[in-house]
């Protein structure tokens, strides 16, 4: 009998398979982005139904197969169910999941990416920082995590406060990232820069970003 493996991570995607199963894409600390099949998760009264939704964070007990894993159980630490009551926050969170999935690779060290995703979703739920700022920080820091951040653009005039904030985002550990606020003028410059860099360094059309933009 194959041994169980414990993986700590967050569900990025969940899609139906066959009549009763779900296919999960999970960003894990130990194995990077992996595919996990949850057998019977769509059956009525299955204990896995609520636990196999996007944003679920916890410890996944799995059996390893040739190209995917089979779920045995989940020790859920966070459901982030508060997002159900915050439409804009939920859409922003889905964008964060999709962006993380874009960068994550299988069998890669994705601990920093997982930490960034977790802390960013947690910041949305906490609600003490404006969503526009959370998004700008996430978009800039994910480039730092993946070694693509080019630094403060040369020849572009930015406010001193904006340059200071960018330096803070680059150098601050992820656990202390969402501990500040900025003025409206600085926020506008951060949002413009993060948007420019996302377009420059990604070649993907994020469906969740389009949905976010469609909100009134």
N, C-alpha and C. Protein backbone atom coordinates (compact mmCIF):
# COMPACT_ATOMS: atom_id res chain seq x y z
N UNK A 1 0.85 -1.19 0.00
CA UNK A 1 0.00 0.00 0.00
C UNK A 1 0.89 1.25 0.00
N UNK A 2 0.57 2.21 -0.85
CA UNK A 2 1.37 3.41 -0.95
C UNK A 2 1.21 4.28 0.29
N UNK A 3 2.30 4.92 0.69
CA UNK A 3 2.28 5.76 1.87
C UNK A 3 1.59 7.10 1.60
N UNK A 4 0.99 7.63 2.64
CA UNK A 4 0.38 8.95 2.55
C UNK A 4 1.45 10.03 2.61
N UNK A 5 1.18 11.15 1.93
CA UNK A 5 2.06 12.31 1.96
C UNK A 5 1.26 13.49 2.48
N UNK A 6 1.89 14.33 3.29
CA UNK A 6 1.24 15.52 3.80
C UNK A 6 1.77 16.75 3.07
N UNK A 7 0.86 17.52 2.48
CA UNK A 7 1.22 18.73 1.74
C UNK A 7 0.46 19.91 2.33
N UNK A 8 1.17 20.99 2.62
CA UNK A 8 0.54 22.21 3.13
C UNK A 8 0.37 23.20 1.99
N UNK A 9 -0.86 23.68 1.81
CA UNK A 9 -1.06 24.59 0.69
C UNK A 9 -2.44 25.20 0.63
N UNK A 10 -2.69 25.92 -0.48
CA UNK A 10 -3.97 26.59 -0.72
C UNK A 10 -4.52 26.16 -2.08
N UNK A 11 -5.83 25.93 -2.13
CA UNK A 11 -6.48 25.53 -3.38
C UNK A 11 -6.60 26.74 -4.30
N UNK A 12 -6.04 26.61 -5.50
CA UNK A 12 -6.11 27.66 -6.51
C UNK A 12 -7.32 27.49 -7.42
N UNK A 13 -7.62 26.25 -7.76
CA UNK A 13 -8.72 25.96 -8.68
C UNK A 13 -9.43 24.68 -8.23
N UNK A 14 -10.73 24.61 -8.51
CA UNK A 14 -11.51 23.40 -8.24
C UNK A 14 -12.51 23.24 -9.37
N UNK A 15 -12.48 22.10 -10.05
CA UNK A 15 -13.37 21.88 -11.18
C UNK A 15 -13.98 20.48 -11.09
N UNK A 16 -15.21 20.31 -11.61
CA UNK A 16 -15.86 19.00 -11.54
C UNK A 16 -15.23 17.98 -12.48
N UNK A 17 -15.19 16.74 -12.03
CA UNK A 17 -14.70 15.63 -12.83
C UNK A 17 -15.66 14.45 -12.65
N UNK A 18 -16.07 13.85 -13.75
CA UNK A 18 -17.03 12.76 -13.68
C UNK A 18 -18.30 13.21 -12.96
N UNK A 19 -18.98 12.29 -12.31
CA UNK A 19 -20.25 12.63 -11.67
C UNK A 19 -20.09 13.18 -10.25
N UNK A 20 -19.06 12.73 -9.55
CA UNK A 20 -18.98 13.04 -8.13
C UNK A 20 -17.62 13.59 -7.66
N UNK A 21 -16.65 13.69 -8.56
CA UNK A 21 -15.29 14.03 -8.13
C UNK A 21 -14.96 15.49 -8.44
N UNK A 22 -13.85 15.93 -7.86
CA UNK A 22 -13.32 17.25 -8.15
C UNK A 22 -11.83 17.16 -8.43
N UNK A 23 -11.41 18.00 -9.37
CA UNK A 23 -9.98 18.14 -9.67
C UNK A 23 -9.51 19.44 -9.05
N UNK A 24 -8.52 19.35 -8.20
CA UNK A 24 -8.00 20.52 -7.51
C UNK A 24 -6.61 20.87 -8.02
N UNK A 25 -6.34 22.14 -8.15
CA UNK A 25 -4.99 22.64 -8.38
C UNK A 25 -4.59 23.35 -7.09
N UNK A 26 -3.51 22.89 -6.48
CA UNK A 26 -3.13 23.37 -5.16
C UNK A 26 -1.70 23.87 -5.18
N UNK A 27 -1.49 25.05 -4.61
CA UNK A 27 -0.14 25.57 -4.43
C UNK A 27 0.36 25.09 -3.08
N UNK A 28 1.42 24.28 -3.08
CA UNK A 28 1.90 23.66 -1.85
C UNK A 28 3.31 24.12 -1.50
N UNK A 29 3.60 24.03 -0.23
CA UNK A 29 4.93 24.39 0.28
C UNK A 29 5.97 23.37 -0.16
N UNK A 30 5.58 22.09 -0.21
CA UNK A 30 6.55 21.02 -0.42
C UNK A 30 6.78 20.67 -1.88
N UNK A 31 5.74 20.77 -2.73
CA UNK A 31 5.85 20.29 -4.11
C UNK A 31 5.47 21.34 -5.16
N UNK A 32 5.34 22.59 -4.77
CA UNK A 32 4.92 23.60 -5.73
C UNK A 32 3.46 23.41 -6.13
N UNK A 33 3.15 23.67 -7.40
CA UNK A 33 1.77 23.53 -7.88
C UNK A 33 1.50 22.08 -8.25
N UNK A 34 0.46 21.49 -7.66
CA UNK A 34 0.15 20.09 -7.91
C UNK A 34 -1.34 19.93 -8.24
N UNK A 35 -1.65 18.81 -8.88
CA UNK A 35 -3.03 18.43 -9.17
C UNK A 35 -3.44 17.33 -8.21
N UNK A 36 -4.59 17.51 -7.57
CA UNK A 36 -5.10 16.53 -6.61
C UNK A 36 -6.54 16.19 -6.98
N UNK A 37 -6.84 14.92 -7.07
CA UNK A 37 -8.20 14.48 -7.34
C UNK A 37 -8.90 14.12 -6.03
N UNK A 38 -10.05 14.75 -5.82
CA UNK A 38 -10.85 14.51 -4.61
C UNK A 38 -12.02 13.63 -4.98
N UNK A 39 -11.90 12.35 -4.74
CA UNK A 39 -12.94 11.39 -5.10
C UNK A 39 -14.16 11.55 -4.21
N UNK A 40 -15.33 11.67 -4.83
CA UNK A 40 -16.58 11.76 -4.09
C UNK A 40 -16.83 13.11 -3.44
N UNK A 41 -16.03 14.12 -3.78
CA UNK A 41 -16.17 15.42 -3.12
C UNK A 41 -17.46 16.13 -3.49
N UNK A 42 -18.10 15.70 -4.59
CA UNK A 42 -19.35 16.34 -5.01
C UNK A 42 -20.58 15.53 -4.61
N UNK A 43 -20.37 14.47 -3.87
CA UNK A 43 -21.49 13.69 -3.37
C UNK A 43 -22.20 14.45 -2.24
N UNK A 44 -23.51 14.27 -2.15
CA UNK A 44 -24.27 14.90 -1.09
C UNK A 44 -23.76 14.44 0.27
N UNK A 45 -23.55 15.40 1.17
CA UNK A 45 -23.10 15.15 2.54
C UNK A 45 -21.65 14.68 2.63
N UNK A 46 -20.89 14.80 1.56
CA UNK A 46 -19.47 14.45 1.64
C UNK A 46 -18.75 15.46 2.52
N UNK A 47 -17.88 14.99 3.39
CA UNK A 47 -17.13 15.88 4.27
C UNK A 47 -16.10 16.70 3.49
N UNK A 48 -15.84 16.30 2.24
CA UNK A 48 -14.85 17.00 1.42
C UNK A 48 -15.45 18.14 0.60
N UNK A 49 -16.79 18.24 0.58
CA UNK A 49 -17.43 19.23 -0.28
C UNK A 49 -16.99 20.64 0.05
N UNK A 50 -17.16 21.05 1.28
CA UNK A 50 -16.80 22.42 1.68
C UNK A 50 -15.30 22.63 1.69
N UNK A 51 -14.55 21.58 1.92
CA UNK A 51 -13.10 21.69 2.07
C UNK A 51 -12.36 21.71 0.74
N UNK A 52 -13.05 21.47 -0.36
CA UNK A 52 -12.37 21.41 -1.67
C UNK A 52 -12.79 22.57 -2.56
N UNK A 53 -12.88 23.75 -1.97
CA UNK A 53 -13.22 24.96 -2.71
C UNK A 53 -12.00 25.87 -2.77
N UNK A 54 -11.94 26.75 -3.77
CA UNK A 54 -10.83 27.70 -3.84
C UNK A 54 -10.69 28.50 -2.54
N UNK A 55 -9.48 28.87 -2.22
CA UNK A 55 -9.07 29.60 -1.02
C UNK A 55 -8.83 28.71 0.19
N UNK A 56 -9.30 27.47 0.17
CA UNK A 56 -9.08 26.60 1.32
C UNK A 56 -7.59 26.42 1.55
N UNK A 57 -7.16 26.66 2.79
CA UNK A 57 -5.76 26.53 3.16
C UNK A 57 -5.65 25.51 4.30
N UNK A 58 -4.72 24.56 4.15
CA UNK A 58 -4.55 23.58 5.20
C UNK A 58 -3.55 22.51 4.82
N UNK A 59 -3.66 21.39 5.50
CA UNK A 59 -2.76 20.26 5.26
C UNK A 59 -3.52 19.16 4.52
N UNK A 60 -3.02 18.81 3.35
CA UNK A 60 -3.67 17.84 2.48
C UNK A 60 -2.99 16.49 2.64
N UNK A 61 -3.77 15.50 3.02
CA UNK A 61 -3.26 14.13 3.13
C UNK A 61 -3.56 13.42 1.81
N UNK A 62 -2.51 13.04 1.08
CA UNK A 62 -2.69 12.54 -0.28
C UNK A 62 -1.86 11.28 -0.51
N UNK A 63 -2.21 10.61 -1.59
CA UNK A 63 -1.42 9.49 -2.11
C UNK A 63 -0.90 9.91 -3.48
N UNK A 64 0.37 9.72 -3.72
CA UNK A 64 1.00 10.16 -4.96
C UNK A 64 0.79 9.15 -6.08
N UNK A 65 0.37 9.65 -7.26
CA UNK A 65 0.25 8.82 -8.44
C UNK A 65 1.31 9.21 -9.46
N UNK A 66 1.15 8.73 -10.70
CA UNK A 66 2.15 9.01 -11.72
C UNK A 66 2.21 10.48 -12.10
N UNK A 67 1.06 11.11 -12.24
CA UNK A 67 1.03 12.51 -12.69
C UNK A 67 0.16 13.40 -11.80
N UNK A 68 -0.45 12.83 -10.78
CA UNK A 68 -1.33 13.60 -9.90
C UNK A 68 -1.41 12.88 -8.55
N UNK A 69 -2.16 13.49 -7.65
CA UNK A 69 -2.33 12.94 -6.31
C UNK A 69 -3.81 12.64 -6.07
N UNK A 70 -4.07 11.71 -5.15
CA UNK A 70 -5.44 11.42 -4.74
C UNK A 70 -5.62 11.86 -3.29
N UNK A 71 -6.67 12.63 -3.06
CA UNK A 71 -6.91 13.18 -1.73
C UNK A 71 -7.50 12.13 -0.79
N UNK A 72 -6.93 12.07 0.39
CA UNK A 72 -7.46 11.19 1.43
C UNK A 72 -8.23 12.00 2.47
N UNK A 73 -7.64 13.12 2.89
CA UNK A 73 -8.28 13.95 3.91
C UNK A 73 -7.65 15.34 3.88
N UNK A 74 -8.34 16.32 4.49
CA UNK A 74 -7.82 17.68 4.62
C UNK A 74 -7.99 18.15 6.05
N UNK A 75 -6.93 18.68 6.61
CA UNK A 75 -7.00 19.37 7.89
C UNK A 75 -7.03 20.86 7.56
N UNK A 76 -8.24 21.42 7.49
CA UNK A 76 -8.42 22.81 7.07
C UNK A 76 -8.05 23.76 8.19
N UNK A 77 -7.21 24.73 7.87
CA UNK A 77 -6.83 25.77 8.83
C UNK A 77 -7.57 27.07 8.57
N UNK A 78 -7.82 27.37 7.27
CA UNK A 78 -8.57 28.57 6.91
C UNK A 78 -9.44 28.27 5.70
N UNK A 79 -10.73 28.65 5.81
CA UNK A 79 -11.62 28.58 4.66
C UNK A 79 -11.72 29.94 3.95
N UNK A 80 -11.43 31.00 4.69
CA UNK A 80 -11.62 32.37 4.20
C UNK A 80 -13.06 32.58 3.73
N UNK A 81 -14.00 32.06 4.51
CA UNK A 81 -15.41 32.16 4.14
C UNK A 81 -15.93 33.59 4.18
N UNK A 82 -15.19 34.50 4.83
CA UNK A 82 -15.61 35.90 4.86
C UNK A 82 -15.71 36.50 3.47
N UNK A 83 -14.99 35.93 2.51
CA UNK A 83 -15.03 36.45 1.14
C UNK A 83 -16.41 36.30 0.51
N UNK A 84 -17.23 35.40 1.03
CA UNK A 84 -18.57 35.21 0.48
C UNK A 84 -19.44 36.45 0.69
N UNK A 85 -19.07 37.28 1.66
CA UNK A 85 -19.85 38.47 1.98
C UNK A 85 -19.21 39.73 1.41
N UNK A 86 -18.17 39.57 0.63
CA UNK A 86 -17.44 40.72 0.07
C UNK A 86 -17.19 40.44 -1.41
N UNK A 87 -18.06 40.91 -2.27
CA UNK A 87 -17.98 40.58 -3.69
C UNK A 87 -16.68 41.08 -4.30
N UNK A 88 -16.34 42.33 -4.06
CA UNK A 88 -15.12 42.88 -4.64
C UNK A 88 -13.89 42.17 -4.08
N UNK A 89 -13.91 41.87 -2.77
CA UNK A 89 -12.81 41.14 -2.16
C UNK A 89 -12.67 39.74 -2.73
N UNK A 90 -13.81 39.08 -2.98
CA UNK A 90 -13.78 37.73 -3.54
C UNK A 90 -13.20 37.74 -4.95
N UNK A 91 -13.61 38.71 -5.76
CA UNK A 91 -13.08 38.81 -7.12
C UNK A 91 -11.59 39.10 -7.10
N UNK A 92 -11.17 39.97 -6.18
CA UNK A 92 -9.75 40.27 -6.07
C UNK A 92 -8.97 39.03 -5.62
N UNK A 93 -9.54 38.30 -4.68
CA UNK A 93 -8.90 37.06 -4.24
C UNK A 93 -8.77 36.05 -5.36
N UNK A 94 -9.80 35.92 -6.20
CA UNK A 94 -9.73 35.00 -7.33
C UNK A 94 -8.63 35.42 -8.31
N UNK A 95 -8.47 36.72 -8.47
CA UNK A 95 -7.38 37.23 -9.30
C UNK A 95 -6.03 36.84 -8.71
N UNK A 96 -5.88 36.95 -7.41
CA UNK A 96 -4.63 36.55 -6.75
C UNK A 96 -4.35 35.06 -6.96
N UNK A 97 -5.40 34.24 -6.87
CA UNK A 97 -5.23 32.80 -7.10
C UNK A 97 -4.76 32.53 -8.52
N UNK A 98 -5.39 33.19 -9.48
CA UNK A 98 -5.04 32.98 -10.89
C UNK A 98 -3.63 33.47 -11.18
N UNK A 99 -3.25 34.58 -10.59
CA UNK A 99 -1.91 35.12 -10.80
C UNK A 99 -0.85 34.18 -10.20
N UNK A 100 -1.12 33.65 -9.02
CA UNK A 100 -0.20 32.70 -8.39
C UNK A 100 -0.08 31.43 -9.23
N UNK A 101 -1.20 30.97 -9.78
CA UNK A 101 -1.18 29.78 -10.62
C UNK A 101 -0.36 30.02 -11.89
N UNK A 102 -0.40 31.24 -12.41
CA UNK A 102 0.36 31.59 -13.60
C UNK A 102 1.86 31.40 -13.36
N UNK A 103 2.34 31.78 -12.19
CA UNK A 103 3.76 31.72 -11.90
C UNK A 103 4.21 30.37 -11.32
N UNK A 104 3.35 29.70 -10.59
CA UNK A 104 3.76 28.50 -9.87
C UNK A 104 4.10 27.35 -10.81
N UNK A 105 5.09 26.56 -10.41
CA UNK A 105 5.52 25.40 -11.18
C UNK A 105 5.52 24.16 -10.29
N UNK A 106 5.35 23.00 -10.93
CA UNK A 106 5.38 21.74 -10.19
C UNK A 106 6.81 21.43 -9.76
N UNK A 107 6.93 20.87 -8.56
CA UNK A 107 8.23 20.47 -8.00
C UNK A 107 9.22 21.63 -7.89
N UNK A 108 8.67 22.83 -7.69
CA UNK A 108 9.50 24.01 -7.53
C UNK A 108 9.33 24.54 -6.10
N UNK A 109 10.33 25.23 -5.60
CA UNK A 109 10.22 25.83 -4.27
C UNK A 109 9.34 27.07 -4.37
N UNK A 110 8.09 26.93 -3.95
CA UNK A 110 7.13 28.03 -4.06
C UNK A 110 6.69 28.53 -2.68
N UNK A 111 7.54 28.35 -1.68
CA UNK A 111 7.17 28.76 -0.33
C UNK A 111 6.88 30.25 -0.25
N UNK A 112 7.72 31.09 -0.84
CA UNK A 112 7.51 32.53 -0.77
C UNK A 112 6.24 32.94 -1.51
N UNK A 113 5.96 32.28 -2.63
CA UNK A 113 4.73 32.58 -3.37
C UNK A 113 3.52 32.18 -2.56
N UNK A 114 3.58 31.04 -1.89
CA UNK A 114 2.47 30.59 -1.05
C UNK A 114 2.26 31.56 0.11
N UNK A 115 3.33 32.00 0.72
CA UNK A 115 3.22 32.96 1.82
C UNK A 115 2.61 34.27 1.34
N UNK A 116 3.04 34.73 0.16
CA UNK A 116 2.48 35.97 -0.38
C UNK A 116 0.99 35.82 -0.66
N UNK A 117 0.59 34.72 -1.25
CA UNK A 117 -0.82 34.49 -1.55
C UNK A 117 -1.63 34.44 -0.26
N UNK A 118 -1.16 33.69 0.71
CA UNK A 118 -1.88 33.56 1.98
C UNK A 118 -2.03 34.90 2.68
N UNK A 119 -0.95 35.65 2.81
CA UNK A 119 -1.00 36.92 3.51
C UNK A 119 -1.84 37.95 2.75
N UNK A 120 -1.86 37.87 1.44
CA UNK A 120 -2.64 38.82 0.64
C UNK A 120 -4.13 38.55 0.78
N UNK A 121 -4.52 37.28 0.73
CA UNK A 121 -5.94 36.94 0.93
C UNK A 121 -6.35 37.29 2.36
N UNK A 122 -5.46 37.04 3.28
CA UNK A 122 -5.74 37.38 4.68
C UNK A 122 -5.94 38.88 4.85
N UNK A 123 -5.16 39.68 4.12
CA UNK A 123 -5.31 41.14 4.18
C UNK A 123 -6.67 41.59 3.64
N UNK A 124 -7.13 40.92 2.59
CA UNK A 124 -8.46 41.22 2.05
C UNK A 124 -9.52 40.98 3.11
N UNK A 125 -9.45 39.82 3.75
CA UNK A 125 -10.43 39.44 4.76
C UNK A 125 -10.37 40.36 5.97
N UNK A 126 -9.18 40.74 6.37
CA UNK A 126 -9.01 41.59 7.55
C UNK A 126 -9.67 42.95 7.34
N UNK A 127 -9.55 43.51 6.15
CA UNK A 127 -10.28 44.72 5.80
C UNK A 127 -9.76 46.02 6.36
N UNK A 128 -8.53 46.06 6.83
CA UNK A 128 -7.98 47.29 7.39
C UNK A 128 -7.20 48.11 6.37
N UNK A 129 -6.93 47.53 5.20
CA UNK A 129 -6.19 48.21 4.15
C UNK A 129 -7.05 48.25 2.89
N UNK A 130 -7.02 49.35 2.19
CA UNK A 130 -7.82 49.50 0.98
C UNK A 130 -7.45 48.44 -0.05
N UNK A 131 -8.45 47.91 -0.73
CA UNK A 131 -8.23 46.83 -1.69
C UNK A 131 -7.30 47.24 -2.82
N UNK A 132 -7.36 48.48 -3.25
CA UNK A 132 -6.47 48.94 -4.31
C UNK A 132 -5.01 48.84 -3.89
N UNK A 133 -4.74 49.14 -2.62
CA UNK A 133 -3.37 49.04 -2.12
C UNK A 133 -2.93 47.59 -2.00
N UNK A 134 -3.81 46.73 -1.52
CA UNK A 134 -3.48 45.31 -1.44
C UNK A 134 -3.13 44.76 -2.81
N UNK A 135 -3.92 45.13 -3.80
CA UNK A 135 -3.66 44.65 -5.17
C UNK A 135 -2.32 45.16 -5.69
N UNK A 136 -2.03 46.44 -5.50
CA UNK A 136 -0.76 46.99 -5.99
C UNK A 136 0.43 46.33 -5.31
N UNK A 137 0.33 46.12 -4.01
CA UNK A 137 1.41 45.47 -3.28
C UNK A 137 1.61 44.04 -3.79
N UNK A 138 0.52 43.32 -3.96
CA UNK A 138 0.60 41.93 -4.45
C UNK A 138 1.24 41.87 -5.83
N UNK A 139 0.81 42.76 -6.74
CA UNK A 139 1.32 42.74 -8.10
C UNK A 139 2.81 43.08 -8.16
N UNK A 140 3.25 43.97 -7.29
CA UNK A 140 4.67 44.32 -7.27
C UNK A 140 5.50 43.25 -6.56
N UNK A 141 5.00 42.74 -5.44
CA UNK A 141 5.76 41.76 -4.66
C UNK A 141 5.88 40.43 -5.38
N UNK A 142 4.89 40.06 -6.17
CA UNK A 142 4.97 38.77 -6.87
C UNK A 142 6.09 38.80 -7.90
N UNK A 143 6.38 39.97 -8.45
CA UNK A 143 7.52 40.10 -9.35
C UNK A 143 8.83 39.99 -8.58
N UNK A 144 8.85 40.54 -7.37
CA UNK A 144 10.04 40.42 -6.52
C UNK A 144 10.29 38.95 -6.19
N UNK A 145 9.24 38.24 -5.78
CA UNK A 145 9.35 36.83 -5.40
C UNK A 145 9.88 35.99 -6.56
N UNK A 146 9.47 36.33 -7.78
CA UNK A 146 9.87 35.56 -8.95
C UNK A 146 11.11 36.10 -9.64
N UNK A 147 11.77 37.06 -9.00
CA UNK A 147 13.03 37.57 -9.52
C UNK A 147 12.91 38.40 -10.78
N UNK A 148 11.74 38.99 -11.01
CA UNK A 148 11.53 39.77 -12.24
C UNK A 148 11.37 41.26 -12.00
N UNK A 149 11.37 41.67 -10.74
CA UNK A 149 11.13 43.09 -10.47
C UNK A 149 12.32 43.92 -10.94
N UNK A 150 12.10 44.90 -11.82
CA UNK A 150 13.21 45.64 -12.42
C UNK A 150 13.68 46.83 -11.59
N UNK A 151 13.04 47.07 -10.45
CA UNK A 151 13.40 48.22 -9.65
C UNK A 151 12.59 49.44 -10.03
N UNK A 152 12.88 50.54 -9.38
CA UNK A 152 12.19 51.79 -9.69
C UNK A 152 12.59 52.25 -11.09
N UNK A 153 11.64 52.52 -11.94
CA UNK A 153 11.97 52.87 -13.33
C UNK A 153 12.80 54.14 -13.43
N UNK A 154 13.85 54.06 -14.20
CA UNK A 154 14.72 55.22 -14.42
C UNK A 154 14.05 56.22 -15.35
N UNK A 155 14.29 57.46 -15.07
CA UNK A 155 13.77 58.50 -15.93
C UNK A 155 12.30 58.80 -15.71
N UNK A 156 11.67 58.12 -14.73
CA UNK A 156 10.26 58.37 -14.44
C UNK A 156 10.17 59.11 -13.13
N UNK A 157 9.51 60.24 -13.14
CA UNK A 157 9.39 61.07 -11.95
C UNK A 157 8.29 60.53 -11.04
N UNK A 158 8.71 60.06 -9.87
CA UNK A 158 7.76 59.55 -8.89
C UNK A 158 7.89 60.36 -7.60
N UNK A 159 6.81 60.41 -6.85
CA UNK A 159 6.85 61.06 -5.56
C UNK A 159 7.82 60.34 -4.64
N UNK A 160 8.43 61.09 -3.73
CA UNK A 160 9.35 60.48 -2.77
C UNK A 160 8.64 59.40 -1.96
N UNK A 161 7.38 59.67 -1.62
CA UNK A 161 6.60 58.68 -0.87
C UNK A 161 6.39 57.40 -1.65
N UNK A 162 6.23 57.52 -2.96
CA UNK A 162 6.05 56.33 -3.81
C UNK A 162 7.34 55.52 -3.87
N UNK A 163 8.45 56.20 -4.03
CA UNK A 163 9.74 55.50 -4.07
C UNK A 163 10.03 54.80 -2.74
N UNK A 164 9.70 55.46 -1.64
CA UNK A 164 9.90 54.87 -0.32
C UNK A 164 9.01 53.62 -0.16
N UNK A 165 7.78 53.72 -0.63
CA UNK A 165 6.86 52.58 -0.52
C UNK A 165 7.33 51.40 -1.36
N UNK A 166 7.80 51.66 -2.56
CA UNK A 166 8.32 50.59 -3.41
C UNK A 166 9.51 49.91 -2.74
N UNK A 167 10.40 50.70 -2.16
CA UNK A 167 11.55 50.14 -1.46
C UNK A 167 11.11 49.27 -0.29
N UNK A 168 10.06 49.71 0.41
CA UNK A 168 9.51 48.93 1.52
C UNK A 168 8.95 47.59 1.02
N UNK A 169 8.21 47.63 -0.08
CA UNK A 169 7.63 46.41 -0.64
C UNK A 169 8.72 45.43 -1.05
N UNK A 170 9.78 45.92 -1.63
CA UNK A 170 10.87 45.06 -2.09
C UNK A 170 11.58 44.38 -0.92
N UNK A 171 11.86 45.14 0.13
CA UNK A 171 12.74 44.67 1.20
C UNK A 171 12.03 44.02 2.38
N UNK A 172 10.75 44.27 2.55
CA UNK A 172 10.05 43.81 3.75
C UNK A 172 9.64 42.34 3.63
N UNK A 173 9.86 41.54 4.69
CA UNK A 173 9.38 40.15 4.69
C UNK A 173 7.88 40.10 4.49
N UNK A 174 7.42 39.07 3.82
CA UNK A 174 6.01 38.98 3.45
C UNK A 174 5.09 39.04 4.67
N UNK A 175 5.51 38.47 5.78
CA UNK A 175 4.67 38.45 6.98
C UNK A 175 4.37 39.86 7.49
N UNK A 176 5.20 40.85 7.16
CA UNK A 176 4.98 42.22 7.64
C UNK A 176 4.65 43.17 6.49
N UNK A 177 4.22 42.61 5.38
CA UNK A 177 4.03 43.41 4.16
C UNK A 177 2.82 44.34 4.26
N UNK A 178 1.72 43.84 4.80
CA UNK A 178 0.48 44.63 4.81
C UNK A 178 0.31 45.32 6.16
N UNK A 179 1.20 46.26 6.44
CA UNK A 179 1.20 46.94 7.73
C UNK A 179 1.27 48.45 7.56
N UNK A 180 0.88 48.96 6.40
CA UNK A 180 1.01 50.39 6.15
C UNK A 180 -0.12 50.88 5.26
N UNK A 181 -0.29 52.18 5.25
CA UNK A 181 -1.20 52.83 4.32
C UNK A 181 -0.44 53.97 3.65
N UNK A 182 -1.00 54.50 2.57
CA UNK A 182 -0.37 55.59 1.83
C UNK A 182 -1.42 56.63 1.46
N UNK A 183 -0.94 57.78 1.02
CA UNK A 183 -1.85 58.83 0.56
C UNK A 183 -2.47 58.44 -0.78
N UNK A 184 -3.52 59.13 -1.15
CA UNK A 184 -4.20 58.85 -2.41
C UNK A 184 -3.27 59.09 -3.61
N UNK A 185 -2.45 60.12 -3.55
CA UNK A 185 -1.54 60.40 -4.67
C UNK A 185 -0.48 59.31 -4.82
N UNK A 186 0.05 58.84 -3.70
CA UNK A 186 1.02 57.74 -3.75
C UNK A 186 0.35 56.47 -4.25
N UNK A 187 -0.86 56.21 -3.77
CA UNK A 187 -1.58 55.01 -4.18
C UNK A 187 -1.81 55.00 -5.69
N UNK A 188 -2.17 56.13 -6.25
CA UNK A 188 -2.41 56.20 -7.70
C UNK A 188 -1.13 55.87 -8.47
N UNK A 189 0.02 56.37 -7.99
CA UNK A 189 1.28 56.06 -8.67
C UNK A 189 1.63 54.58 -8.52
N UNK A 190 1.39 54.01 -7.36
CA UNK A 190 1.66 52.58 -7.15
C UNK A 190 0.79 51.73 -8.07
N UNK A 191 -0.48 52.07 -8.16
CA UNK A 191 -1.41 51.30 -9.00
C UNK A 191 -1.00 51.39 -10.47
N UNK A 192 -0.61 52.58 -10.92
CA UNK A 192 -0.19 52.75 -12.31
C UNK A 192 1.06 51.95 -12.60
N UNK A 193 2.02 51.97 -11.65
CA UNK A 193 3.27 51.23 -11.86
C UNK A 193 3.04 49.73 -11.84
N UNK A 194 2.24 49.26 -10.89
CA UNK A 194 1.98 47.81 -10.81
C UNK A 194 1.25 47.33 -12.05
N UNK A 195 0.35 48.14 -12.57
CA UNK A 195 -0.38 47.78 -13.78
C UNK A 195 0.56 47.72 -14.98
N UNK A 196 1.45 48.70 -15.10
CA UNK A 196 2.42 48.72 -16.19
C UNK A 196 3.33 47.49 -16.14
N UNK A 197 3.82 47.17 -14.96
CA UNK A 197 4.75 46.04 -14.82
C UNK A 197 4.05 44.70 -15.08
N UNK A 198 2.78 44.59 -14.65
CA UNK A 198 2.05 43.34 -14.92
C UNK A 198 1.92 43.12 -16.42
N UNK A 199 1.58 44.17 -17.15
CA UNK A 199 1.43 44.06 -18.60
C UNK A 199 2.77 43.75 -19.27
N UNK A 200 3.84 44.29 -18.71
CA UNK A 200 5.16 44.11 -19.31
C UNK A 200 5.71 42.71 -19.08
N UNK A 201 5.47 42.15 -17.90
CA UNK A 201 6.13 40.90 -17.53
C UNK A 201 5.24 39.66 -17.60
N UNK A 202 3.97 39.82 -17.95
CA UNK A 202 3.11 38.66 -18.13
C UNK A 202 2.51 38.68 -19.52
N UNK A 203 2.31 37.50 -20.09
CA UNK A 203 1.70 37.39 -21.41
C UNK A 203 0.39 36.62 -21.32
N UNK A 204 -0.32 36.86 -20.22
CA UNK A 204 -1.54 36.11 -19.94
C UNK A 204 -2.71 37.06 -19.75
N UNK A 205 -3.85 36.69 -20.29
CA UNK A 205 -5.07 37.47 -20.08
C UNK A 205 -5.83 36.85 -18.91
N UNK A 206 -5.81 37.51 -17.78
CA UNK A 206 -6.43 36.96 -16.57
C UNK A 206 -7.95 37.14 -16.62
N UNK A 207 -8.67 36.02 -16.63
CA UNK A 207 -10.13 36.09 -16.66
C UNK A 207 -10.68 36.78 -15.43
N UNK A 208 -10.07 36.49 -14.28
CA UNK A 208 -10.56 37.07 -13.03
C UNK A 208 -10.35 38.58 -13.00
N UNK A 209 -9.33 39.07 -13.69
CA UNK A 209 -9.08 40.51 -13.74
C UNK A 209 -10.15 41.19 -14.56
N UNK A 210 -10.58 40.56 -15.63
CA UNK A 210 -11.67 41.11 -16.44
C UNK A 210 -12.95 41.17 -15.62
N UNK A 211 -13.21 40.11 -14.83
CA UNK A 211 -14.39 40.09 -13.98
C UNK A 211 -14.31 41.18 -12.93
N UNK A 212 -13.12 41.39 -12.37
CA UNK A 212 -12.93 42.43 -11.37
C UNK A 212 -13.19 43.81 -11.96
N UNK A 213 -12.73 44.02 -13.18
CA UNK A 213 -12.89 45.31 -13.84
C UNK A 213 -14.36 45.59 -14.19
N UNK A 214 -15.16 44.54 -14.30
CA UNK A 214 -16.56 44.71 -14.68
C UNK A 214 -17.46 45.12 -13.51
N UNK A 215 -16.92 45.07 -12.29
CA UNK A 215 -17.73 45.44 -11.13
C UNK A 215 -18.06 46.92 -11.16
N UNK A 216 -19.25 47.29 -10.74
CA UNK A 216 -19.64 48.71 -10.74
C UNK A 216 -18.85 49.50 -9.70
